[in-house]
Amino acid sequence: MIGMDRHTGIVCEGADHLRQSVGMILGTPIGTRVGRRDFGSHIPELIDQPLNAATRLAVIAAGALALLRQEPRIRAQRILFEVTGAGAATLRIIGTRLDGPRPAPIDVTTALRPARA
């Protein structure tokens, strides 16, 4: 798929476009896109929760569900929630790209941010 890089405005395609799409899906709170109220994930709402096993599991589940529903180009096989510093975390998706002539491995890491009020 071909699109536009959200930061530079230049053409973005292939794995780069997929990485950008995954980041947009996981970082967008559900209900905030006009005309696409079901777009996004519950991850931004979970980021401010206490960092315990239940929250980690909820973040991973929310990411898996959002990608399953909204991004048919990737099949997530493993999702890792990693704390990268005080108040900072990433979600790493290890899986298979399904948009090419044959399935190919892909590794996507996206920074997680809390929902804006």
PDB file of N, CA and C in Angstrom:
ATOM      1  N   MET A   1       0.843  -1.171   0.000  1.00  0.00           N
ATOM      2  CA  MET A   1       0.000   0.000   0.000  1.00  0.00           C
ATOM      3  C   MET A   1       0.895   1.242   0.000  1.00  0.00           C
ATOM      4  N   ILE A   2       0.443   2.270  -0.677  1.00  0.00           N
ATOM      5  CA  ILE A   2       1.183   3.527  -0.763  1.00  0.00           C
ATOM      6  C   ILE A   2       0.407   4.598  -0.018  1.00  0.00           C
ATOM      7  N   GLY A   3       1.117   5.402   0.725  1.00  0.00           N
ATOM      8  CA  GLY A   3       0.503   6.508   1.457  1.00  0.00           C
ATOM      9  C   GLY A   3       1.488   7.653   1.578  1.00  0.00           C
ATOM     10  N   MET A   4       1.230   8.511   2.552  1.00  0.00           N
ATOM     11  CA  MET A   4       2.078   9.672   2.765  1.00  0.00           C
ATOM     12  C   MET A   4       2.627   9.628   4.191  1.00  0.00           C
ATOM     13  N   ASP A   5       3.917   9.901   4.340  1.00  0.00           N
ATOM     14  CA  ASP A   5       4.525   9.959   5.659  1.00  0.00           C
ATOM     15  C   ASP A   5       3.898  11.100   6.444  1.00  0.00           C
ATOM     16  N   ARG A   6       3.431  10.816   7.633  1.00  0.00           N
ATOM     17  CA  ARG A   6       2.706  11.818   8.419  1.00  0.00           C
ATOM     18  C   ARG A   6       3.586  12.952   8.917  1.00  0.00           C
ATOM     19  N   HIS A   7       4.905  12.783   8.911  1.00  0.00           N
ATOM     20  CA  HIS A   7       5.803  13.830   9.394  1.00  0.00           C
ATOM     21  C   HIS A   7       6.447  14.632   8.268  1.00  0.00           C
ATOM     22  N   THR A   8       6.788  13.957   7.165  1.00  0.00           N
ATOM     23  CA  THR A   8       7.514  14.637   6.089  1.00  0.00           C
ATOM     24  C   THR A   8       6.656  14.956   4.880  1.00  0.00           C
ATOM     25  N   GLY A   9       5.556  14.220   4.686  1.00  0.00           N
ATOM     26  CA  GLY A   9       4.700  14.437   3.531  1.00  0.00           C
ATOM     27  C   GLY A   9       5.166  13.735   2.272  1.00  0.00           C
ATOM     28  N   ILE A  10       6.275  12.998   2.352  1.00  0.00           N
ATOM     29  CA  ILE A  10       6.755  12.288   1.166  1.00  0.00           C
ATOM     30  C   ILE A  10       6.074  10.921   1.062  1.00  0.00           C
ATOM     31  N   VAL A  11       6.189  10.299  -0.100  1.00  0.00           N
ATOM     32  CA  VAL A  11       5.559   8.999  -0.343  1.00  0.00           C
ATOM     33  C   VAL A  11       6.130   7.965   0.626  1.00  0.00           C
ATOM     34  N   CYS A  12       5.238   7.156   1.154  1.00  0.00           N
ATOM     35  CA  CYS A  12       5.589   6.117   2.117  1.00  0.00           C
ATOM     36  C   CYS A  12       4.897   4.837   1.655  1.00  0.00           C
ATOM     37  N   GLU A  13       5.635   3.738   1.549  1.00  0.00           N
ATOM     38  CA  GLU A  13       5.027   2.490   1.091  1.00  0.00           C
ATOM     39  C   GLU A  13       5.680   1.292   1.748  1.00  0.00           C
ATOM     40  N   GLY A  14       5.102   0.135   1.523  1.00  0.00           N
ATOM     41  CA  GLY A  14       5.658  -1.114   2.023  1.00  0.00           C
ATOM     42  C   GLY A  14       5.696  -1.188   3.537  1.00  0.00           C
ATOM     43  N   ALA A  15       6.822  -1.676   4.056  1.00  0.00           N
ATOM     44  CA  ALA A  15       6.972  -1.866   5.499  1.00  0.00           C
ATOM     45  C   ALA A  15       6.897  -0.547   6.255  1.00  0.00           C
ATOM     46  N   ASP A  16       7.416   0.535   5.659  1.00  0.00           N
ATOM     47  CA  ASP A  16       7.357   1.839   6.326  1.00  0.00           C
ATOM     48  C   ASP A  16       5.911   2.298   6.503  1.00  0.00           C
ATOM     49  N   HIS A  17       5.093   2.109   5.481  1.00  0.00           N
ATOM     50  CA  HIS A  17       3.681   2.491   5.577  1.00  0.00           C
ATOM     51  C   HIS A  17       2.958   1.617   6.602  1.00  0.00           C
ATOM     52  N   LEU A  18       3.287   0.343   6.644  1.00  0.00           N
ATOM     53  CA  LEU A  18       2.678  -0.559   7.613  1.00  0.00           C
ATOM     54  C   LEU A  18       3.053  -0.149   9.035  1.00  0.00           C
ATOM     55  N   ARG A  19       4.322   0.175   9.266  1.00  0.00           N
ATOM     56  CA  ARG A  19       4.757   0.625  10.596  1.00  0.00           C
ATOM     57  C   ARG A  19       4.022   1.898  11.014  1.00  0.00           C
ATOM     58  N   GLN A  20       3.889   2.827  10.086  1.00  0.00           N
ATOM     59  CA  GLN A  20       3.175   4.067  10.377  1.00  0.00           C
ATOM     60  C   GLN A  20       1.710   3.778  10.708  1.00  0.00           C
ATOM     61  N   SER A  21       1.076   2.908   9.949  1.00  0.00           N
ATOM     62  CA  SER A  21      -0.329   2.565  10.187  1.00  0.00           C
ATOM     63  C   SER A  21      -0.523   1.895  11.546  1.00  0.00           C
ATOM     64  N   VAL A  22       0.371   0.990  11.898  1.00  0.00           N
ATOM     65  CA  VAL A  22       0.293   0.324  13.199  1.00  0.00           C
ATOM     66  C   VAL A  22       0.404   1.357  14.318  1.00  0.00           C
ATOM     67  N   GLY A  23       1.347   2.283  14.192  1.00  0.00           N
ATOM     68  CA  GLY A  23       1.503   3.331  15.197  1.00  0.00           C
ATOM     69  C   GLY A  23       0.270   4.206  15.323  1.00  0.00           C
ATOM     70  N   MET A  24      -0.347   4.535  14.186  1.00  0.00           N
ATOM     71  CA  MET A  24      -1.559   5.361  14.214  1.00  0.00           C
ATOM     72  C   MET A  24      -2.720   4.613  14.861  1.00  0.00           C
ATOM     73  N   ILE A  25      -2.881   3.352  14.531  1.00  0.00           N
ATOM     74  CA  ILE A  25      -3.972   2.558  15.111  1.00  0.00           C
ATOM     75  C   ILE A  25      -3.799   2.441  16.625  1.00  0.00           C
ATOM     76  N   LEU A  26      -2.611   2.052  17.058  1.00  0.00           N
ATOM     77  CA  LEU A  26      -2.384   1.821  18.481  1.00  0.00           C
ATOM     78  C   LEU A  26      -2.371   3.108  19.295  1.00  0.00           C
ATOM     79  N   GLY A  27      -1.998   4.215  18.679  1.00  0.00           N
ATOM     80  CA  GLY A  27      -1.893   5.479  19.401  1.00  0.00           C
ATOM     81  C   GLY A  27      -3.124   6.352  19.364  1.00  0.00           C
ATOM     82  N   THR A  28      -4.150   5.955  18.632  1.00  0.00           N
ATOM     83  CA  THR A  28      -5.374   6.751  18.519  1.00  0.00           C
ATOM     84  C   THR A  28      -6.439   6.201  19.464  1.00  0.00           C
ATOM     85  N   PRO A  29      -6.936   7.027  20.381  1.00  0.00           N
ATOM     86  CA  PRO A  29      -8.011   6.555  21.260  1.00  0.00           C
ATOM     87  C   PRO A  29      -9.290   6.277  20.466  1.00  0.00           C
ATOM     88  N   ILE A  30      -9.950   5.177  20.767  1.00  0.00           N
ATOM     89  CA  ILE A  30     -11.220   4.854  20.109  1.00  0.00           C
ATOM     90  C   ILE A  30     -12.215   5.977  20.382  1.00  0.00           C
ATOM     91  N   GLY A  31     -12.944   6.359  19.331  1.00  0.00           N
ATOM     92  CA  GLY A  31     -13.970   7.389  19.460  1.00  0.00           C
ATOM     93  C   GLY A  31     -13.512   8.791  19.131  1.00  0.00           C
ATOM     94  N   THR A  32     -12.230   8.969  18.774  1.00  0.00           N
ATOM     95  CA  THR A  32     -11.725  10.320  18.513  1.00  0.00           C
ATOM     96  C   THR A  32     -11.661  10.681  17.040  1.00  0.00           C
ATOM     97  N   ARG A  33     -11.813   9.733  16.140  1.00  0.00           N
ATOM     98  CA  ARG A  33     -11.785  10.021  14.702  1.00  0.00           C
ATOM     99  C   ARG A  33     -13.191  10.290  14.197  1.00  0.00           C
ATOM    100  N   VAL A  34     -13.420  11.475  13.664  1.00  0.00           N
ATOM    101  CA  VAL A  34     -14.731  11.819  13.111  1.00  0.00           C
ATOM    102  C   VAL A  34     -14.979  10.939  11.890  1.00  0.00           C
ATOM    103  N   GLY A  35     -16.127  10.323  11.833  1.00  0.00           N
ATOM    104  CA  GLY A  35     -16.476   9.458  10.714  1.00  0.00           C
ATOM    105  C   GLY A  35     -15.941   8.045  10.836  1.00  0.00           C
ATOM    106  N   ARG A  36     -15.026   7.824  11.762  1.00  0.00           N
ATOM    107  CA  ARG A  36     -14.484   6.473  11.994  1.00  0.00           C
ATOM    108  C   ARG A  36     -14.356   6.258  13.497  1.00  0.00           C
ATOM    109  N   ARG A  37     -15.460   6.293  14.179  1.00  0.00           N
ATOM    110  CA  ARG A  37     -15.473   6.218  15.645  1.00  0.00           C
ATOM    111  C   ARG A  37     -14.885   4.923  16.191  1.00  0.00           C
ATOM    112  N   ASP A  38     -14.872   3.861  15.400  1.00  0.00           N
ATOM    113  CA  ASP A  38     -14.314   2.598  15.877  1.00  0.00           C
ATOM    114  C   ASP A  38     -12.822   2.461  15.585  1.00  0.00           C
ATOM    115  N   PHE A  39     -12.206   3.482  14.966  1.00  0.00           N
ATOM    116  CA  PHE A  39     -10.778   3.439  14.646  1.00  0.00           C
ATOM    117  C   PHE A  39      -9.965   3.661  15.911  1.00  0.00           C
ATOM    118  N   GLY A  40      -8.874   2.932  16.045  1.00  0.00           N
ATOM    119  CA  GLY A  40      -7.951   3.141  17.155  1.00  0.00           C
ATOM    120  C   GLY A  40      -7.915   1.966  18.108  1.00  0.00           C
ATOM    121  N   SER A  41      -7.435   2.251  19.324  1.00  0.00           N
ATOM    122  CA  SER A  41      -7.319   1.208  20.341  1.00  0.00           C
ATOM    123  C   SER A  41      -7.585   1.804  21.720  1.00  0.00           C
ATOM    124  N   HIS A  42      -7.676   0.932  22.694  1.00  0.00           N
ATOM    125  CA  HIS A  42      -7.860   1.362  24.084  1.00  0.00           C
ATOM    126  C   HIS A  42      -6.520   1.619  24.773  1.00  0.00           C
ATOM    127  N   ILE A  43      -5.415   1.446  24.074  1.00  0.00           N
ATOM    128  CA  ILE A  43      -4.097   1.608  24.684  1.00  0.00           C
ATOM    129  C   ILE A  43      -3.887   2.997  25.281  1.00  0.00           C
ATOM    130  N   PRO A  44      -4.208   4.098  24.581  1.00  0.00           N
ATOM    131  CA  PRO A  44      -3.967   5.410  25.193  1.00  0.00           C
ATOM    132  C   PRO A  44      -4.677   5.599  26.539  1.00  0.00           C
ATOM    133  N   GLU A  45      -5.805   4.947  26.735  1.00  0.00           N
ATOM    134  CA  GLU A  45      -6.531   5.037  28.007  1.00  0.00           C
ATOM    135  C   GLU A  45      -5.861   4.207  29.102  1.00  0.00           C
ATOM    136  N   LEU A  46      -5.093   3.204  28.723  1.00  0.00           N
ATOM    137  CA  LEU A  46      -4.474   2.296  29.688  1.00  0.00           C
ATOM    138  C   LEU A  46      -3.098   2.755  30.157  1.00  0.00           C
ATOM    139  N   ILE A  47      -2.472   3.655  29.427  1.00  0.00           N
ATOM    140  CA  ILE A  47      -1.097   4.049  29.721  1.00  0.00           C
ATOM    141  C   ILE A  47      -0.952   4.677  31.103  1.00  0.00           C
ATOM    142  N   ASP A  48      -1.951   5.411  31.574  1.00  0.00           N
ATOM    143  CA  ASP A  48      -1.869   6.068  32.878  1.00  0.00           C
ATOM    144  C   ASP A  48      -2.248   5.152  34.040  1.00  0.00           C
ATOM    145  N   GLN A  49      -2.564   3.911  33.771  1.00  0.00           N
ATOM    146  CA  GLN A  49      -2.930   2.967  34.826  1.00  0.00           C
ATOM    147  C   GLN A  49      -1.672   2.497  35.565  1.00  0.00           C
ATOM    148  N   PRO A  50      -1.835   1.955  36.775  1.00  0.00           N
ATOM    149  CA  PRO A  50      -0.675   1.425  37.500  1.00  0.00           C
ATOM    150  C   PRO A  50       0.039   0.361  36.665  1.00  0.00           C
ATOM    151  N   LEU A  51       1.350   0.386  36.703  1.00  0.00           N
ATOM    152  CA  LEU A  51       2.136  -0.555  35.901  1.00  0.00           C
ATOM    153  C   LEU A  51       2.261  -1.877  36.654  1.00  0.00           C
ATOM    154  N   ASN A  52       1.290  -2.742  36.446  1.00  0.00           N
ATOM    155  CA  ASN A  52       1.307  -4.062  37.073  1.00  0.00           C
ATOM    156  C   ASN A  52       1.004  -5.107  35.998  1.00  0.00           C
ATOM    157  N   ALA A  53       0.944  -6.350  36.405  1.00  0.00           N
ATOM    158  CA  ALA A  53       0.733  -7.436  35.439  1.00  0.00           C
ATOM    159  C   ALA A  53      -0.605  -7.306  34.714  1.00  0.00           C
ATOM    160  N   ALA A  54      -1.637  -6.869  35.427  1.00  0.00           N
ATOM    161  CA  ALA A  54      -2.957  -6.736  34.802  1.00  0.00           C
ATOM    162  C   ALA A  54      -2.953  -5.654  33.723  1.00  0.00           C
ATOM    163  N   THR A  55      -2.293  -4.535  34.000  1.00  0.00           N
ATOM    164  CA  THR A  55      -2.219  -3.454  33.008  1.00  0.00           C
ATOM    165  C   THR A  55      -1.406  -3.892  31.798  1.00  0.00           C
ATOM    166  N   ARG A  56      -0.294  -4.557  32.033  1.00  0.00           N
ATOM    167  CA  ARG A  56       0.522  -5.057  30.914  1.00  0.00           C
ATOM    168  C   ARG A  56      -0.308  -5.973  30.015  1.00  0.00           C
ATOM    169  N   LEU A  57      -1.043  -6.885  30.628  1.00  0.00           N
ATOM    170  CA  LEU A  57      -1.873  -7.810  29.861  1.00  0.00           C
ATOM    171  C   LEU A  57      -2.972  -7.066  29.108  1.00  0.00           C
ATOM    172  N   ALA A  58      -3.577  -6.063  29.745  1.00  0.00           N
ATOM    173  CA  ALA A  58      -4.633  -5.280  29.094  1.00  0.00           C
ATOM    174  C   ALA A  58      -4.090  -4.513  27.890  1.00  0.00           C
ATOM    175  N   VAL A  59      -2.881  -3.955  28.007  1.00  0.00           N
ATOM    176  CA  VAL A  59      -2.266  -3.228  26.889  1.00  0.00           C
ATOM    177  C   VAL A  59      -1.988  -4.182  25.728  1.00  0.00           C
ATOM    178  N   ILE A  60      -1.428  -5.326  26.024  1.00  0.00           N
ATOM    179  CA  ILE A  60      -1.128  -6.308  24.975  1.00  0.00           C
ATOM    180  C   ILE A  60      -2.420  -6.781  24.301  1.00  0.00           C
ATOM    181  N   ALA A  61      -3.448  -7.064  25.090  1.00  0.00           N
ATOM    182  CA  ALA A  61      -4.728  -7.512  24.531  1.00  0.00           C
ATOM    183  C   ALA A  61      -5.373  -6.421  23.683  1.00  0.00           C
ATOM    184  N   ALA A  62      -5.318  -5.176  24.150  1.00  0.00           N
ATOM    185  CA  ALA A  62      -5.897  -4.062  23.388  1.00  0.00           C
ATOM    186  C   ALA A  62      -5.165  -3.885  22.059  1.00  0.00           C
ATOM    187  N   GLY A  63      -3.845  -4.042  22.079  1.00  0.00           N
ATOM    188  CA  GLY A  63      -3.070  -3.940  20.843  1.00  0.00           C
ATOM    189  C   GLY A  63      -3.394  -5.057  19.872  1.00  0.00           C
ATOM    190  N   ALA A  64      -3.475  -6.269  20.379  1.00  0.00           N
ATOM    191  CA  ALA A  64      -3.791  -7.417  19.520  1.00  0.00           C
ATOM    192  C   ALA A  64      -5.175  -7.272  18.901  1.00  0.00           C
ATOM    193  N   LEU A  65      -6.151  -6.870  19.695  1.00  0.00           N
ATOM    194  CA  LEU A  65      -7.516  -6.716  19.191  1.00  0.00           C
ATOM    195  C   LEU A  65      -7.603  -5.612  18.136  1.00  0.00           C
ATOM    196  N   ALA A  66      -6.952  -4.485  18.399  1.00  0.00           N
ATOM    197  CA  ALA A  66      -6.988  -3.370  17.442  1.00  0.00           C
ATOM    198  C   ALA A  66      -6.356  -3.767  16.113  1.00  0.00           C
ATOM    199  N   LEU A  67      -5.227  -4.457  16.153  1.00  0.00           N
ATOM    200  CA  LEU A  67      -4.571  -4.869  14.909  1.00  0.00           C
ATOM    201  C   LEU A  67      -5.388  -5.931  14.180  1.00  0.00           C
ATOM    202  N   LEU A  68      -5.981  -6.828  14.911  1.00  0.00           N
ATOM    203  CA  LEU A  68      -6.808  -7.868  14.295  1.00  0.00           C
ATOM    204  C   LEU A  68      -8.004  -7.256  13.573  1.00  0.00           C
ATOM    205  N   ARG A  69      -8.621  -6.256  14.168  1.00  0.00           N
ATOM    206  CA  ARG A  69      -9.812  -5.630  13.588  1.00  0.00           C
ATOM    207  C   ARG A  69      -9.492  -4.653  12.463  1.00  0.00           C
ATOM    208  N   GLN A  70      -8.334  -3.970  12.530  1.00  0.00           N
ATOM    209  CA  GLN A  70      -8.131  -2.825  11.650  1.00  0.00           C
ATOM    210  C   GLN A  70      -6.940  -2.895  10.709  1.00  0.00           C
ATOM    211  N   GLU A  71      -6.075  -3.852  10.864  1.00  0.00           N
ATOM    212  CA  GLU A  71      -4.894  -3.903   9.992  1.00  0.00           C
ATOM    213  C   GLU A  71      -4.721  -5.302   9.416  1.00  0.00           C
ATOM    214  N   PRO A  72      -5.351  -5.573   8.257  1.00  0.00           N
ATOM    215  CA  PRO A  72      -5.285  -6.909   7.663  1.00  0.00           C
ATOM    216  C   PRO A  72      -3.923  -7.247   7.052  1.00  0.00           C
ATOM    217  N   ARG A  73      -3.023  -6.272   6.970  1.00  0.00           N
ATOM    218  CA  ARG A  73      -1.717  -6.529   6.349  1.00  0.00           C
ATOM    219  C   ARG A  73      -0.723  -7.190   7.288  1.00  0.00           C
ATOM    220  N   ILE A  74      -1.072  -7.331   8.561  1.00  0.00           N
ATOM    221  CA  ILE A  74      -0.136  -7.923   9.518  1.00  0.00           C
ATOM    222  C   ILE A  74      -0.855  -8.954  10.383  1.00  0.00           C
ATOM    223  N   ARG A  75      -0.166 -10.039  10.661  1.00  0.00           N
ATOM    224  CA  ARG A  75      -0.654 -11.044  11.612  1.00  0.00           C
ATOM    225  C   ARG A  75       0.338 -11.044  12.772  1.00  0.00           C
ATOM    226  N   ALA A  76      -0.093 -10.534  13.910  1.00  0.00           N
ATOM    227  CA  ALA A  76       0.777 -10.472  15.085  1.00  0.00           C
ATOM    228  C   ALA A  76       0.937 -11.865  15.678  1.00  0.00           C
ATOM    229  N   GLN A  77       2.186 -12.253  15.899  1.00  0.00           N
ATOM    230  CA  GLN A  77       2.454 -13.551  16.504  1.00  0.00           C
ATOM    231  C   GLN A  77       2.952 -13.400  17.933  1.00  0.00           C
ATOM    232  N   ARG A  78       3.543 -12.243  18.206  1.00  0.00           N
ATOM    233  CA  ARG A  78       4.042 -11.964  19.551  1.00  0.00           C
ATOM    234  C   ARG A  78       3.970 -10.467  19.775  1.00  0.00           C
ATOM    235  N   ILE A  79       3.487 -10.057  20.941  1.00  0.00           N
ATOM    236  CA  ILE A  79       3.413  -8.641  21.289  1.00  0.00           C
ATOM    237  C   ILE A  79       4.088  -8.465  22.637  1.00  0.00           C
ATOM    238  N   LEU A  80       5.053  -7.557  22.680  1.00  0.00           N
ATOM    239  CA  LEU A  80       5.823  -7.309  23.896  1.00  0.00           C
ATOM    240  C   LEU A  80       5.603  -5.883  24.373  1.00  0.00           C
ATOM    241  N   PHE A  81       5.299  -5.726  25.644  1.00  0.00           N
ATOM    242  CA  PHE A  81       5.148  -4.416  26.270  1.00  0.00           C
ATOM    243  C   PHE A  81       6.439  -4.143  27.026  1.00  0.00           C
ATOM    244  N   GLU A  82       7.138  -3.068  26.665  1.00  0.00           N
ATOM    245  CA  GLU A  82       8.435  -2.777  27.271  1.00  0.00           C
ATOM    246  C   GLU A  82       8.439  -1.376  27.858  1.00  0.00           C
ATOM    247  N   VAL A  83       8.820  -1.261  29.132  1.00  0.00           N
ATOM    248  CA  VAL A  83       8.981   0.045  29.768  1.00  0.00           C
ATOM    249  C   VAL A  83      10.362   0.552  29.382  1.00  0.00           C
ATOM    250  N   THR A  84      10.412   1.757  28.816  1.00  0.00           N
ATOM    251  CA  THR A  84      11.682   2.297  28.323  1.00  0.00           C
ATOM    252  C   THR A  84      12.226   3.425  29.181  1.00  0.00           C
ATOM    253  N   GLY A  85      11.505   3.816  30.197  1.00  0.00           N
ATOM    254  CA  GLY A  85      11.949   4.885  31.083  1.00  0.00           C
ATOM    255  C   GLY A  85      10.787   5.353  31.930  1.00  0.00           C
ATOM    256  N   ALA A  86      11.026   6.399  32.699  1.00  0.00           N
ATOM    257  CA  ALA A  86       9.972   6.938  33.560  1.00  0.00           C
ATOM    258  C   ALA A  86       8.838   7.496  32.699  1.00  0.00           C
ATOM    259  N   GLY A  87       7.683   6.869  32.779  1.00  0.00           N
ATOM    260  CA  GLY A  87       6.526   7.332  32.019  1.00  0.00           C
ATOM    261  C   GLY A  87       6.590   7.043  30.533  1.00  0.00           C
ATOM    262  N   ALA A  88       7.504   6.182  30.113  1.00  0.00           N
ATOM    263  CA  ALA A  88       7.648   5.875  28.687  1.00  0.00           C
ATOM    264  C   ALA A  88       7.612   4.361  28.476  1.00  0.00           C
ATOM    265  N   ALA A  89       6.953   3.958  27.398  1.00  0.00           N
ATOM    266  CA  ALA A  89       6.858   2.531  27.085  1.00  0.00           C
ATOM    267  C   ALA A  89       6.730   2.350  25.580  1.00  0.00           C
ATOM    268  N   THR A  90       7.012   1.136  25.131  1.00  0.00           N
ATOM    269  CA  THR A  90       6.832   0.788  23.722  1.00  0.00           C
ATOM    270  C   THR A  90       6.067  -0.523  23.633  1.00  0.00           C
ATOM    271  N   LEU A  91       5.452  -0.714  22.493  1.00  0.00           N
ATOM    272  CA  LEU A  91       4.805  -1.982  22.180  1.00  0.00           C
ATOM    273  C   LEU A  91       5.515  -2.519  20.943  1.00  0.00           C
ATOM    274  N   ARG A  92       6.034  -3.720  21.054  1.00  0.00           N
ATOM    275  CA  ARG A  92       6.748  -4.350  19.943  1.00  0.00           C
ATOM    276  C   ARG A  92       5.900  -5.487  19.404  1.00  0.00           C
ATOM    277  N   ILE A  93       5.630  -5.426  18.108  1.00  0.00           N
ATOM    278  CA  ILE A  93       4.821  -6.446  17.453  1.00  0.00           C
ATOM    279  C   ILE A  93       5.727  -7.251  16.529  1.00  0.00           C
ATOM    280  N   ILE A  94       5.809  -8.530  16.780  1.00  0.00           N
ATOM    281  CA  ILE A  94       6.575  -9.433  15.933  1.00  0.00           C
ATOM    282  C   ILE A  94       5.548 -10.298  15.212  1.00  0.00           C
ATOM    283  N   GLY A  95       5.622 -10.293  13.896  1.00  0.00           N
ATOM    284  CA  GLY A  95       4.609 -11.032  13.166  1.00  0.00           C
ATOM    285  C   GLY A  95       4.952 -11.244  11.715  1.00  0.00           C
ATOM    286  N   THR A  96       3.911 -11.377  10.917  1.00  0.00           N
ATOM    287  CA  THR A  96       4.048 -11.673   9.500  1.00  0.00           C
ATOM    288  C   THR A  96       3.283 -10.654   8.683  1.00  0.00           C
ATOM    289  N   ARG A  97       3.955 -10.107   7.663  1.00  0.00           N
ATOM    290  CA  ARG A  97       3.286  -9.230   6.692  1.00  0.00           C
ATOM    291  C   ARG A  97       2.534 -10.102   5.710  1.00  0.00           C
ATOM    292  N   LEU A  98       1.304  -9.702   5.432  1.00  0.00           N
ATOM    293  CA  LEU A  98       0.463 -10.488   4.533  1.00  0.00           C
ATOM    294  C   LEU A  98       0.133  -9.756   3.241  1.00  0.00           C
ATOM    295  N   ASP A  99       0.744  -8.596   3.001  1.00  0.00           N
ATOM    296  CA  ASP A  99       0.379  -7.777   1.842  1.00  0.00           C
ATOM    297  C   ASP A  99       1.262  -7.988   0.625  1.00  0.00           C
ATOM    298  N   GLY A 100       2.246  -8.836   0.708  1.00  0.00           N
ATOM    299  CA  GLY A 100       3.132  -9.062  -0.425  1.00  0.00           C
ATOM    300  C   GLY A 100       2.766 -10.318  -1.185  1.00  0.00           C
ATOM    301  N   PRO A 101       3.586 -10.678  -2.166  1.00  0.00           N
ATOM    302  CA  PRO A 101       3.316 -11.891  -2.935  1.00  0.00           C
ATOM    303  C   PRO A 101       3.398 -13.153  -2.072  1.00  0.00           C
ATOM    304  N   ARG A 102       4.162 -13.075  -0.982  1.00  0.00           N
ATOM    305  CA  ARG A 102       4.219 -14.180  -0.023  1.00  0.00           C
ATOM    306  C   ARG A 102       4.438 -13.594   1.377  1.00  0.00           C
ATOM    307  N   PRO A 103       4.007 -14.282   2.411  1.00  0.00           N
ATOM    308  CA  PRO A 103       4.178 -13.773   3.771  1.00  0.00           C
ATOM    309  C   PRO A 103       5.647 -13.514   4.093  1.00  0.00           C
ATOM    310  N   ALA A 104       5.902 -12.434   4.829  1.00  0.00           N
ATOM    311  CA  ALA A 104       7.262 -12.062   5.201  1.00  0.00           C
ATOM    312  C   ALA A 104       7.280 -11.620   6.662  1.00  0.00           C
ATOM    313  N   PRO A 105       8.377 -11.884   7.367  1.00  0.00           N
ATOM    314  CA  PRO A 105       8.449 -11.463   8.768  1.00  0.00           C
ATOM    315  C   PRO A 105       8.539  -9.944   8.886  1.00  0.00           C
ATOM    316  N   ILE A 106       7.980  -9.417   9.972  1.00  0.00           N
ATOM    317  CA  ILE A 106       8.075  -7.988  10.246  1.00  0.00           C
ATOM    318  C   ILE A 106       8.159  -7.791  11.753  1.00  0.00           C
ATOM    319  N   ASP A 107       8.902  -6.767  12.145  1.00  0.00           N
ATOM    320  CA  ASP A 107       9.080  -6.410  13.548  1.00  0.00           C
ATOM    321  C   ASP A 107       8.800  -4.916  13.658  1.00  0.00           C
ATOM    322  N   VAL A 108       7.733  -4.550  14.369  1.00  0.00           N
ATOM    323  CA  VAL A 108       7.304  -3.157  14.480  1.00  0.00           C
ATOM    324  C   VAL A 108       7.355  -2.752  15.944  1.00  0.00           C
ATOM    325  N   THR A 109       8.025  -1.642  16.238  1.00  0.00           N
ATOM    326  CA  THR A 109       8.046  -1.093  17.587  1.00  0.00           C
ATOM    327  C   THR A 109       7.459   0.303  17.538  1.00  0.00           C
ATOM    328  N   THR A 110       6.505   0.575  18.422  1.00  0.00           N
ATOM    329  CA  THR A 110       5.869   1.888  18.448  1.00  0.00           C
ATOM    330  C   THR A 110       5.838   2.425  19.875  1.00  0.00           C
ATOM    331  N   ALA A 111       6.108   3.716  20.015  1.00  0.00           N
ATOM    332  CA  ALA A 111       6.065   4.366  21.326  1.00  0.00           C
ATOM    333  C   ALA A 111       4.618   4.523  21.761  1.00  0.00           C
ATOM    334  N   LEU A 112       4.370   4.353  23.043  1.00  0.00           N
ATOM    335  CA  LEU A 112       3.021   4.486  23.587  1.00  0.00           C
ATOM    336  C   LEU A 112       2.912   5.795  24.349  1.00  0.00           C
ATOM    337  N   ARG A 113       1.810   6.496  24.112  1.00  0.00           N
ATOM    338  CA  ARG A 113       1.572   7.777  24.766  1.00  0.00           C
ATOM    339  C   ARG A 113       0.185   7.767  25.390  1.00  0.00           C
ATOM    340  N   PRO A 114       0.016   8.472  26.517  1.00  0.00           N
ATOM    341  CA  PRO A 114      -1.319   8.530  27.129  1.00  0.00           C
ATOM    342  C   PRO A 114      -2.293   9.320  26.274  1.00  0.00           C
ATOM    343  N   ALA A 115      -3.584   9.071  26.473  1.00  0.00           N
ATOM    344  CA  ALA A 115      -4.626   9.810  25.749  1.00  0.00           C
ATOM    345  C   ALA A 115      -4.608  11.261  26.188  1.00  0.00           C
ATOM    346  N   ARG A 116      -4.861  12.154  25.249  1.00  0.00           N
ATOM    347  CA  ARG A 116      -4.938  13.581  25.579  1.00  0.00           C
ATOM    348  C   ARG A 116      -6.325  13.897  26.090  1.00  0.00           C
ATOM    349  N   ALA A 117      -6.370  14.752  27.079  1.00  0.00           N
ATOM    350  CA  ALA A 117      -7.674  15.118  27.654  1.00  0.00           C
ATOM    351  C   ALA A 117      -8.370  16.167  26.825  1.00  0.00           C
TER     352      ALA A 117
END
